[in-house]
């Protein structure tokens, strides 16, 4: 499948996307329920593709570090690490987290 032409990634095909050379990233956000991380697929060119829940069409979001670890290990069983971008106290993201 040509992953470069898609705008969203259904949760049903995340494993296939990873097998084709993609990876996962967890983008921080905040809503009325508090902090969350939106799951996005990252293609070989570094483009982010939002992951949506296949049965609802809503963005795939995770609300805790435990949820991120569980999901990441489920999708990438051989993974030895996961990088999670931090929130600051005002709800902004730590833009320098990847640079340190």
PDB file of N, CA and C in Angstrom:
ATOM      1  N   UNK A   1       0.837  -1.183   0.000  1.00  0.00           N
ATOM      2  CA  UNK A   1       0.000   0.000   0.000  1.00  0.00           C
ATOM      3  C   UNK A   1       0.881   1.246   0.000  1.00  0.00           C
ATOM      4  N   UNK A   2       0.457   2.273  -0.708  1.00  0.00           N
ATOM      5  CA  UNK A   2       1.178   3.542  -0.748  1.00  0.00           C
ATOM      6  C   UNK A   2       0.716   4.413   0.418  1.00  0.00           C
ATOM      7  N   UNK A   3       1.502   4.435   1.491  1.00  0.00           N
ATOM      8  CA  UNK A   3       1.132   5.174   2.703  1.00  0.00           C
ATOM      9  C   UNK A   3       1.246   6.679   2.500  1.00  0.00           C
ATOM     10  N   UNK A   4       1.969   7.135   1.498  1.00  0.00           N
ATOM     11  CA  UNK A   4       2.148   8.567   1.284  1.00  0.00           C
ATOM     12  C   UNK A   4       0.870   9.268   0.841  1.00  0.00           C
ATOM     13  N   UNK A   5      -0.112   8.527   0.358  1.00  0.00           N
ATOM     14  CA  UNK A   5      -1.314   9.149  -0.180  1.00  0.00           C
ATOM     15  C   UNK A   5      -2.475   9.186   0.812  1.00  0.00           C
ATOM     16  N   UNK A   6      -2.298   8.677   2.029  1.00  0.00           N
ATOM     17  CA  UNK A   6      -3.415   8.635   2.968  1.00  0.00           C
ATOM     18  C   UNK A   6      -3.380   9.842   3.902  1.00  0.00           C
ATOM     19  N   UNK A   7      -4.561  10.236   4.378  1.00  0.00           N
ATOM     20  CA  UNK A   7      -4.682  11.389   5.274  1.00  0.00           C
ATOM     21  C   UNK A   7      -4.879  10.965   6.723  1.00  0.00           C
ATOM     22  N   UNK A   8      -5.497   9.815   6.944  1.00  0.00           N
ATOM     23  CA  UNK A   8      -5.666   9.255   8.283  1.00  0.00           C
ATOM     24  C   UNK A   8      -5.351   7.769   8.221  1.00  0.00           C
ATOM     25  N   UNK A   9      -5.028   7.220   9.373  1.00  0.00           N
ATOM     26  CA  UNK A   9      -4.642   5.818   9.467  1.00  0.00           C
ATOM     27  C   UNK A   9      -5.619   5.124  10.411  1.00  0.00           C
ATOM     28  N   UNK A  10      -6.388   4.176   9.901  1.00  0.00           N
ATOM     29  CA  UNK A  10      -7.329   3.440  10.742  1.00  0.00           C
ATOM     30  C   UNK A  10      -6.573   2.555  11.720  1.00  0.00           C
ATOM     31  N   UNK A  11      -7.101   2.455  12.921  1.00  0.00           N
ATOM     32  CA  UNK A  11      -6.466   1.604  13.933  1.00  0.00           C
ATOM     33  C   UNK A  11      -6.381   0.155  13.477  1.00  0.00           C
ATOM     34  N   UNK A  12      -7.210  -0.242  12.515  1.00  0.00           N
ATOM     35  CA  UNK A  12      -7.187  -1.607  12.013  1.00  0.00           C
ATOM     36  C   UNK A  12      -5.932  -1.934  11.204  1.00  0.00           C
ATOM     37  N   UNK A  13      -5.233  -0.918  10.685  1.00  0.00           N
ATOM     38  CA  UNK A  13      -4.084  -1.172   9.821  1.00  0.00           C
ATOM     39  C   UNK A  13      -2.760  -0.655  10.393  1.00  0.00           C
ATOM     40  N   UNK A  14      -2.731  -0.317  11.673  1.00  0.00           N
ATOM     41  CA  UNK A  14      -1.505   0.217  12.271  1.00  0.00           C
ATOM     42  C   UNK A  14      -0.362  -0.786  12.179  1.00  0.00           C
ATOM     43  N   UNK A  15      -0.612  -2.050  12.470  1.00  0.00           N
ATOM     44  CA  UNK A  15       0.455  -3.060  12.390  1.00  0.00           C
ATOM     45  C   UNK A  15       0.992  -3.195  10.967  1.00  0.00           C
ATOM     46  N   UNK A  16       0.103  -3.155   9.994  1.00  0.00           N
ATOM     47  CA  UNK A  16       0.522  -3.229   8.587  1.00  0.00           C
ATOM     48  C   UNK A  16       1.363  -2.000   8.221  1.00  0.00           C
ATOM     49  N   UNK A  17       0.954  -0.833   8.709  1.00  0.00           N
ATOM     50  CA  UNK A  17       1.703   0.398   8.482  1.00  0.00           C
ATOM     51  C   UNK A  17       3.120   0.292   9.056  1.00  0.00           C
ATOM     52  N   UNK A  18       3.232  -0.229  10.271  1.00  0.00           N
ATOM     53  CA  UNK A  18       4.538  -0.402  10.918  1.00  0.00           C
ATOM     54  C   UNK A  18       5.383  -1.414  10.148  1.00  0.00           C
ATOM     55  N   UNK A  19       4.766  -2.517   9.731  1.00  0.00           N
ATOM     56  CA  UNK A  19       5.487  -3.540   8.970  1.00  0.00           C
ATOM     57  C   UNK A  19       6.019  -2.976   7.653  1.00  0.00           C
ATOM     58  N   UNK A  20       5.351  -1.956   7.124  1.00  0.00           N
ATOM     59  CA  UNK A  20       5.777  -1.328   5.886  1.00  0.00           C
ATOM     60  C   UNK A  20       6.812  -0.229   6.080  1.00  0.00           C
ATOM     61  N   UNK A  21       7.316  -0.081   7.305  1.00  0.00           N
ATOM     62  CA  UNK A  21       8.364   0.901   7.552  1.00  0.00           C
ATOM     63  C   UNK A  21       7.937   2.117   8.345  1.00  0.00           C
ATOM     64  N   UNK A  22       6.691   2.182   8.764  1.00  0.00           N
ATOM     65  CA  UNK A  22       6.212   3.310   9.554  1.00  0.00           C
ATOM     66  C   UNK A  22       6.546   3.145  11.027  1.00  0.00           C
ATOM     67  N   UNK A  23       6.316   4.187  11.788  1.00  0.00           N
ATOM     68  CA  UNK A  23       6.523   4.142  13.236  1.00  0.00           C
ATOM     69  C   UNK A  23       5.401   4.919  13.914  1.00  0.00           C
ATOM     70  N   UNK A  24       5.436   4.967  15.237  1.00  0.00           N
ATOM     71  CA  UNK A  24       4.404   5.666  15.996  1.00  0.00           C
ATOM     72  C   UNK A  24       5.001   6.831  16.769  1.00  0.00           C
ATOM     73  N   UNK A  25       4.189   7.845  16.955  1.00  0.00           N
ATOM     74  CA  UNK A  25       4.546   8.999  17.782  1.00  0.00           C
ATOM     75  C   UNK A  25       3.320   9.359  18.610  1.00  0.00           C
ATOM     76  N   UNK A  26       3.550   9.935  19.763  1.00  0.00           N
ATOM     77  CA  UNK A  26       2.470  10.291  20.680  1.00  0.00           C
ATOM     78  C   UNK A  26       2.520  11.792  20.894  1.00  0.00           C
ATOM     79  N   UNK A  27       1.556  12.508  20.309  1.00  0.00           N
ATOM     80  CA  UNK A  27       1.533  13.973  20.301  1.00  0.00           C
ATOM     81  C   UNK A  27       0.679  14.473  21.466  1.00  0.00           C
ATOM     82  N   UNK A  28       1.253  15.270  22.375  1.00  0.00           N
ATOM     83  CA  UNK A  28       0.506  15.712  23.553  1.00  0.00           C
ATOM     84  C   UNK A  28      -0.565  16.744  23.220  1.00  0.00           C
ATOM     85  N   UNK A  29      -1.608  16.721  24.032  1.00  0.00           N
ATOM     86  CA  UNK A  29      -2.697  17.686  23.910  1.00  0.00           C
ATOM     87  C   UNK A  29      -3.437  17.793  25.228  1.00  0.00           C
ATOM     88  N   UNK A  30      -4.417  18.666  25.262  1.00  0.00           N
ATOM     89  CA  UNK A  30      -5.219  18.868  26.461  1.00  0.00           C
ATOM     90  C   UNK A  30      -6.649  19.179  26.019  1.00  0.00           C
ATOM     91  N   UNK A  31      -7.607  18.628  26.747  1.00  0.00           N
ATOM     92  CA  UNK A  31      -9.013  18.925  26.505  1.00  0.00           C
ATOM     93  C   UNK A  31      -9.719  19.088  27.843  1.00  0.00           C
ATOM     94  N   UNK A  32     -11.046  19.110  27.825  1.00  0.00           N
ATOM     95  CA  UNK A  32     -11.809  19.321  29.059  1.00  0.00           C
ATOM     96  C   UNK A  32     -11.618  18.204  30.089  1.00  0.00           C
ATOM     97  N   UNK A  33     -11.152  17.038  29.655  1.00  0.00           N
ATOM     98  CA  UNK A  33     -10.901  15.923  30.568  1.00  0.00           C
ATOM     99  C   UNK A  33      -9.476  15.907  31.109  1.00  0.00           C
ATOM    100  N   UNK A  34      -8.624  16.749  30.553  1.00  0.00           N
ATOM    101  CA  UNK A  34      -7.238  16.803  31.011  1.00  0.00           C
ATOM    102  C   UNK A  34      -6.257  16.529  29.894  1.00  0.00           C
ATOM    103  N   UNK A  35      -5.089  16.055  30.282  1.00  0.00           N
ATOM    104  CA  UNK A  35      -4.012  15.786  29.324  1.00  0.00           C
ATOM    105  C   UNK A  35      -4.242  14.479  28.583  1.00  0.00           C
ATOM    106  N   UNK A  36      -3.737  14.441  27.355  1.00  0.00           N
ATOM    107  CA  UNK A  36      -3.806  13.215  26.560  1.00  0.00           C
ATOM    108  C   UNK A  36      -2.658  13.222  25.571  1.00  0.00           C
ATOM    109  N   UNK A  37      -2.465  12.087  24.906  1.00  0.00           N
ATOM    110  CA  UNK A  37      -1.508  11.963  23.805  1.00  0.00           C
ATOM    111  C   UNK A  37      -2.255  11.367  22.628  1.00  0.00           C
ATOM    112  N   UNK A  38      -2.230  12.058  21.498  1.00  0.00           N
ATOM    113  CA  UNK A  38      -2.841  11.562  20.273  1.00  0.00           C
ATOM    114  C   UNK A  38      -1.844  10.649  19.568  1.00  0.00           C
ATOM    115  N   UNK A  39      -2.294   9.494  19.142  1.00  0.00           N
ATOM    116  CA  UNK A  39      -1.440   8.543  18.436  1.00  0.00           C
ATOM    117  C   UNK A  39      -1.377   8.944  16.968  1.00  0.00           C
ATOM    118  N   UNK A  40      -0.160   9.074  16.452  1.00  0.00           N
ATOM    119  CA  UNK A  40       0.027   9.370  15.033  1.00  0.00           C
ATOM    120  C   UNK A  40       1.030   8.381  14.454  1.00  0.00           C
ATOM    121  N   UNK A  41       0.787   7.998  13.217  1.00  0.00           N
ATOM    122  CA  UNK A  41       1.756   7.202  12.489  1.00  0.00           C
ATOM    123  C   UNK A  41       2.743   8.145  11.817  1.00  0.00           C
ATOM    124  N   UNK A  42       3.976   7.710  11.709  1.00  0.00           N
ATOM    125  CA  UNK A  42       5.006   8.511  11.045  1.00  0.00           C
ATOM    126  C   UNK A  42       5.537   7.687   9.880  1.00  0.00           C
ATOM    127  N   UNK A  43       5.364   8.217   8.662  1.00  0.00           N
ATOM    128  CA  UNK A  43       5.827   7.466   7.495  1.00  0.00           C
ATOM    129  C   UNK A  43       7.336   7.619   7.320  1.00  0.00           C
ATOM    130  N   UNK A  44       7.868   6.965   6.326  1.00  0.00           N
ATOM    131  CA  UNK A  44       9.325   6.960   6.089  1.00  0.00           C
ATOM    132  C   UNK A  44       9.895   8.352   5.836  1.00  0.00           C
ATOM    133  N   UNK A  45       9.050   9.272   5.363  1.00  0.00           N
ATOM    134  CA  UNK A  45       9.497  10.631   5.082  1.00  0.00           C
ATOM    135  C   UNK A  45       9.350  11.555   6.284  1.00  0.00           C
ATOM    136  N   UNK A  46       8.857  11.015   7.413  1.00  0.00           N
ATOM    137  CA  UNK A  46       8.680  11.815   8.617  1.00  0.00           C
ATOM    138  C   UNK A  46       7.335  12.507   8.717  1.00  0.00           C
ATOM    139  N   UNK A  47       6.431  12.245   7.784  1.00  0.00           N
ATOM    140  CA  UNK A  47       5.110  12.853   7.817  1.00  0.00           C
ATOM    141  C   UNK A  47       4.235  12.175   8.864  1.00  0.00           C
ATOM    142  N   UNK A  48       3.517  12.977   9.636  1.00  0.00           N
ATOM    143  CA  UNK A  48       2.618  12.432  10.649  1.00  0.00           C
ATOM    144  C   UNK A  48       1.240  12.197  10.054  1.00  0.00           C
ATOM    145  N   UNK A  49       0.669  11.022  10.359  1.00  0.00           N
ATOM    146  CA  UNK A  49      -0.659  10.641   9.891  1.00  0.00           C
ATOM    147  C   UNK A  49      -1.479  10.295  11.124  1.00  0.00           C
ATOM    148  N   UNK A  50      -2.534  11.065  11.430  1.00  0.00           N
ATOM    149  CA  UNK A  50      -3.336  10.764  12.617  1.00  0.00           C
ATOM    150  C   UNK A  50      -3.944   9.365  12.560  1.00  0.00           C
ATOM    151  N   UNK A  51      -3.899   8.667  13.692  1.00  0.00           N
ATOM    152  CA  UNK A  51      -4.537   7.359  13.811  1.00  0.00           C
ATOM    153  C   UNK A  51      -5.948   7.585  14.331  1.00  0.00           C
ATOM    154  N   UNK A  52      -6.925   6.985  13.644  1.00  0.00           N
ATOM    155  CA  UNK A  52      -8.312   7.075  14.096  1.00  0.00           C
ATOM    156  C   UNK A  52      -8.797   5.693  14.509  1.00  0.00           C
ATOM    157  N   UNK A  53      -9.754   5.666  15.406  1.00  0.00           N
ATOM    158  CA  UNK A  53     -10.364   4.410  15.834  1.00  0.00           C
ATOM    159  C   UNK A  53     -11.275   3.949  14.698  1.00  0.00           C
ATOM    160  N   UNK A  54     -11.029   2.756  14.206  1.00  0.00           N
ATOM    161  CA  UNK A  54     -11.737   2.249  13.036  1.00  0.00           C
ATOM    162  C   UNK A  54     -13.249   2.232  13.165  1.00  0.00           C
ATOM    163  N   UNK A  55     -13.766   1.865  14.315  1.00  0.00           N
ATOM    164  CA  UNK A  55     -15.219   1.712  14.448  1.00  0.00           C
ATOM    165  C   UNK A  55     -15.941   3.030  14.700  1.00  0.00           C
ATOM    166  N   UNK A  56     -15.221   4.087  15.140  1.00  0.00           N
ATOM    167  CA  UNK A  56     -15.877   5.364  15.445  1.00  0.00           C
ATOM    168  C   UNK A  56     -15.414   6.523  14.575  1.00  0.00           C
ATOM    169  N   UNK A  57     -14.199   6.432  14.034  1.00  0.00           N
ATOM    170  CA  UNK A  57     -13.650   7.528  13.265  1.00  0.00           C
ATOM    171  C   UNK A  57     -13.060   8.639  14.116  1.00  0.00           C
ATOM    172  N   UNK A  58     -13.041   8.460  15.425  1.00  0.00           N
ATOM    173  CA  UNK A  58     -12.477   9.456  16.338  1.00  0.00           C
ATOM    174  C   UNK A  58     -10.970   9.263  16.463  1.00  0.00           C
ATOM    175  N   UNK A  59     -10.245  10.331  16.778  1.00  0.00           N
ATOM    176  CA  UNK A  59      -8.795  10.194  16.968  1.00  0.00           C
ATOM    177  C   UNK A  59      -8.469   9.211  18.090  1.00  0.00           C
ATOM    178  N   UNK A  60      -7.417   8.438  17.895  1.00  0.00           N
ATOM    179  CA  UNK A  60      -6.933   7.518  18.936  1.00  0.00           C
ATOM    180  C   UNK A  60      -6.130   8.346  19.927  1.00  0.00           C
ATOM    181  N   UNK A  61      -6.615   8.445  21.165  1.00  0.00           N
ATOM    182  CA  UNK A  61      -5.914   9.181  22.207  1.00  0.00           C
ATOM    183  C   UNK A  61      -5.688   8.267  23.405  1.00  0.00           C
ATOM    184  N   UNK A  62      -4.586   8.521  24.086  1.00  0.00           N
ATOM    185  CA  UNK A  62      -4.229   7.771  25.283  1.00  0.00           C
ATOM    186  C   UNK A  62      -4.069   8.780  26.410  1.00  0.00           C
ATOM    187  N   UNK A  63      -4.495   8.419  27.617  1.00  0.00           N
ATOM    188  CA  UNK A  63      -4.563   9.394  28.705  1.00  0.00           C
ATOM    189  C   UNK A  63      -3.538   9.179  29.808  1.00  0.00           C
ATOM    190  N   UNK A  64      -2.678   8.174  29.671  1.00  0.00           N
ATOM    191  CA  UNK A  64      -1.676   7.956  30.715  1.00  0.00           C
ATOM    192  C   UNK A  64      -0.420   7.320  30.119  1.00  0.00           C
ATOM    193  N   UNK A  65       0.655   7.418  30.876  1.00  0.00           N
ATOM    194  CA  UNK A  65       1.906   6.780  30.444  1.00  0.00           C
ATOM    195  C   UNK A  65       1.730   5.273  30.356  1.00  0.00           C
ATOM    196  N   UNK A  66       0.986   4.694  31.298  1.00  0.00           N
ATOM    197  CA  UNK A  66       0.734   3.246  31.241  1.00  0.00           C
ATOM    198  C   UNK A  66       0.005   2.863  29.952  1.00  0.00           C
ATOM    199  N   UNK A  67      -0.957   3.676  29.547  1.00  0.00           N
ATOM    200  CA  UNK A  67      -1.699   3.392  28.316  1.00  0.00           C
ATOM    201  C   UNK A  67      -0.779   3.482  27.099  1.00  0.00           C
ATOM    202  N   UNK A  68       0.115   4.465  27.099  1.00  0.00           N
ATOM    203  CA  UNK A  68       1.077   4.598  25.994  1.00  0.00           C
ATOM    204  C   UNK A  68       1.972   3.371  25.928  1.00  0.00           C
ATOM    205  N   UNK A  69       2.525   2.968  27.071  1.00  0.00           N
ATOM    206  CA  UNK A  69       3.410   1.801  27.099  1.00  0.00           C
ATOM    207  C   UNK A  69       2.691   0.535  26.643  1.00  0.00           C
ATOM    208  N   UNK A  70       1.483   0.331  27.123  1.00  0.00           N
ATOM    209  CA  UNK A  70       0.713  -0.857  26.746  1.00  0.00           C
ATOM    210  C   UNK A  70       0.427  -0.870  25.247  1.00  0.00           C
ATOM    211  N   UNK A  71      -0.029   0.249  24.707  1.00  0.00           N
ATOM    212  CA  UNK A  71      -0.343   0.330  23.281  1.00  0.00           C
ATOM    213  C   UNK A  71       0.908   0.137  22.429  1.00  0.00           C
ATOM    214  N   UNK A  72       1.989   0.819  22.812  1.00  0.00           N
ATOM    215  CA  UNK A  72       3.231   0.734  22.039  1.00  0.00           C
ATOM    216  C   UNK A  72       3.770  -0.696  22.019  1.00  0.00           C
ATOM    217  N   UNK A  73       3.747  -1.341  23.157  1.00  0.00           N
ATOM    218  CA  UNK A  73       4.243  -2.726  23.240  1.00  0.00           C
ATOM    219  C   UNK A  73       3.344  -3.678  22.437  1.00  0.00           C
ATOM    220  N   UNK A  74       2.058  -3.391  22.412  1.00  0.00           N
ATOM    221  CA  UNK A  74       1.121  -4.204  21.630  1.00  0.00           C
ATOM    222  C   UNK A  74       1.386  -4.067  20.133  1.00  0.00           C
ATOM    223  N   UNK A  75       1.662  -2.847  19.692  1.00  0.00           N
ATOM    224  CA  UNK A  75       1.894  -2.597  18.272  1.00  0.00           C
ATOM    225  C   UNK A  75       3.318  -2.953  17.843  1.00  0.00           C
ATOM    226  N   UNK A  76       4.288  -2.766  18.736  1.00  0.00           N
ATOM    227  CA  UNK A  76       5.700  -3.028  18.438  1.00  0.00           C
ATOM    228  C   UNK A  76       6.274  -3.924  19.530  1.00  0.00           C
ATOM    229  N   UNK A  77       5.965  -5.224  19.517  1.00  0.00           N
ATOM    230  CA  UNK A  77       6.386  -6.115  20.601  1.00  0.00           C
ATOM    231  C   UNK A  77       7.893  -6.184  20.814  1.00  0.00           C
ATOM    232  N   UNK A  78       8.682  -5.895  19.796  1.00  0.00           N
ATOM    233  CA  UNK A  78      10.133  -5.961  19.915  1.00  0.00           C
ATOM    234  C   UNK A  78      10.754  -4.647  20.411  1.00  0.00           C
ATOM    235  N   UNK A  79       9.930  -3.615  20.582  1.00  0.00           N
ATOM    236  CA  UNK A  79      10.451  -2.302  20.974  1.00  0.00           C
ATOM    237  C   UNK A  79      11.101  -2.351  22.356  1.00  0.00           C
ATOM    238  N   UNK A  80      12.173  -1.616  22.496  1.00  0.00           N
ATOM    239  CA  UNK A  80      12.898  -1.521  23.761  1.00  0.00           C
ATOM    240  C   UNK A  80      12.764  -0.141  24.390  1.00  0.00           C
ATOM    241  N   UNK A  81      12.184   0.813  23.655  1.00  0.00           N
ATOM    242  CA  UNK A  81      11.995   2.157  24.190  1.00  0.00           C
ATOM    243  C   UNK A  81      10.843   2.834  23.473  1.00  0.00           C
ATOM    244  N   UNK A  82      10.310   3.851  24.114  1.00  0.00           N
ATOM    245  CA  UNK A  82       9.295   4.701  23.511  1.00  0.00           C
ATOM    246  C   UNK A  82       9.568   6.119  23.995  1.00  0.00           C
ATOM    247  N   UNK A  83       9.523   7.075  23.075  1.00  0.00           N
ATOM    248  CA  UNK A  83       9.737   8.476  23.417  1.00  0.00           C
ATOM    249  C   UNK A  83       8.384   9.158  23.489  1.00  0.00           C
ATOM    250  N   UNK A  84       8.146   9.828  24.622  1.00  0.00           N
ATOM    251  CA  UNK A  84       6.874  10.512  24.840  1.00  0.00           C
ATOM    252  C   UNK A  84       7.166  11.978  25.121  1.00  0.00           C
ATOM    253  N   UNK A  85       6.602  12.844  24.313  1.00  0.00           N
ATOM    254  CA  UNK A  85       6.786  14.273  24.498  1.00  0.00           C
ATOM    255  C   UNK A  85       6.004  14.730  25.727  1.00  0.00           C
ATOM    256  N   UNK A  86       6.594  15.606  26.541  1.00  0.00           N
ATOM    257  CA  UNK A  86       5.999  16.057  27.789  1.00  0.00           C
ATOM    258  C   UNK A  86       5.101  17.272  27.605  1.00  0.00           C
ATOM    259  N   UNK A  87       4.164  17.435  28.554  1.00  0.00           N
ATOM    260  CA  UNK A  87       3.364  18.653  28.677  1.00  0.00           C
ATOM    261  C   UNK A  87       4.060  19.546  29.698  1.00  0.00           C
ATOM    262  N   UNK A  88       3.877  20.858  29.592  1.00  0.00           N
ATOM    263  CA  UNK A  88       4.314  21.720  30.683  1.00  0.00           C
ATOM    264  C   UNK A  88       3.096  22.051  31.546  1.00  0.00           C
ATOM    265  N   UNK A  89       3.273  22.795  32.610  1.00  0.00           N
ATOM    266  CA  UNK A  89       2.174  23.067  33.541  1.00  0.00           C
ATOM    267  C   UNK A  89       1.053  23.903  32.934  1.00  0.00           C
ATOM    268  N   UNK A  90       1.339  24.641  31.864  1.00  0.00           N
ATOM    269  CA  UNK A  90       0.308  25.435  31.204  1.00  0.00           C
ATOM    270  C   UNK A  90      -0.403  24.650  30.107  1.00  0.00           C
ATOM    271  N   UNK A  91      -0.023  23.397  29.902  1.00  0.00           N
ATOM    272  CA  UNK A  91      -0.652  22.581  28.873  1.00  0.00           C
ATOM    273  C   UNK A  91       0.038  22.647  27.537  1.00  0.00           C
ATOM    274  N   UNK A  92       1.128  23.413  27.454  1.00  0.00           N
ATOM    275  CA  UNK A  92       1.897  23.464  26.219  1.00  0.00           C
ATOM    276  C   UNK A  92       2.788  22.240  26.142  1.00  0.00           C
ATOM    277  N   UNK A  93       3.294  21.961  24.970  1.00  0.00           N
ATOM    278  CA  UNK A  93       4.205  20.838  24.821  1.00  0.00           C
ATOM    279  C   UNK A  93       5.628  21.298  25.000  1.00  0.00           C
ATOM    280  N   UNK A  94       6.492  20.388  25.372  1.00  0.00           N
ATOM    281  CA  UNK A  94       7.905  20.691  25.513  1.00  0.00           C
ATOM    282  C   UNK A  94       8.559  20.515  24.146  1.00  0.00           C
ATOM    283  N   UNK A  95       8.670  21.586  23.383  1.00  0.00           N
ATOM    284  CA  UNK A  95       9.166  21.523  22.015  1.00  0.00           C
ATOM    285  C   UNK A  95      10.625  21.087  21.933  1.00  0.00           C
ATOM    286  N   UNK A  96      11.369  21.233  23.029  1.00  0.00           N
ATOM    287  CA  UNK A  96      12.784  20.883  23.016  1.00  0.00           C
ATOM    288  C   UNK A  96      13.037  19.459  23.452  1.00  0.00           C
ATOM    289  N   UNK A  97      12.011  18.679  23.765  1.00  0.00           N
ATOM    290  CA  UNK A  97      12.208  17.336  24.306  1.00  0.00           C
ATOM    291  C   UNK A  97      12.982  16.444  23.334  1.00  0.00           C
ATOM    292  N   UNK A  98      12.728  16.567  22.047  1.00  0.00           N
ATOM    293  CA  UNK A  98      13.415  15.732  21.064  1.00  0.00           C
ATOM    294  C   UNK A  98      14.848  16.154  20.826  1.00  0.00           C
ATOM    295  N   UNK A  99      15.191  17.407  21.188  1.00  0.00           N
ATOM    296  CA  UNK A  99      16.519  17.926  20.902  1.00  0.00           C
ATOM    297  C   UNK A  99      17.515  17.598  22.015  1.00  0.00           C
ATOM    298  N   UNK A 100      17.052  17.238  23.193  1.00  0.00           N
ATOM    299  CA  UNK A 100      17.947  16.953  24.331  1.00  0.00           C
ATOM    300  C   UNK A 100      18.265  15.496  24.432  1.00  0.00           C
TER     301      UNK A 100
END
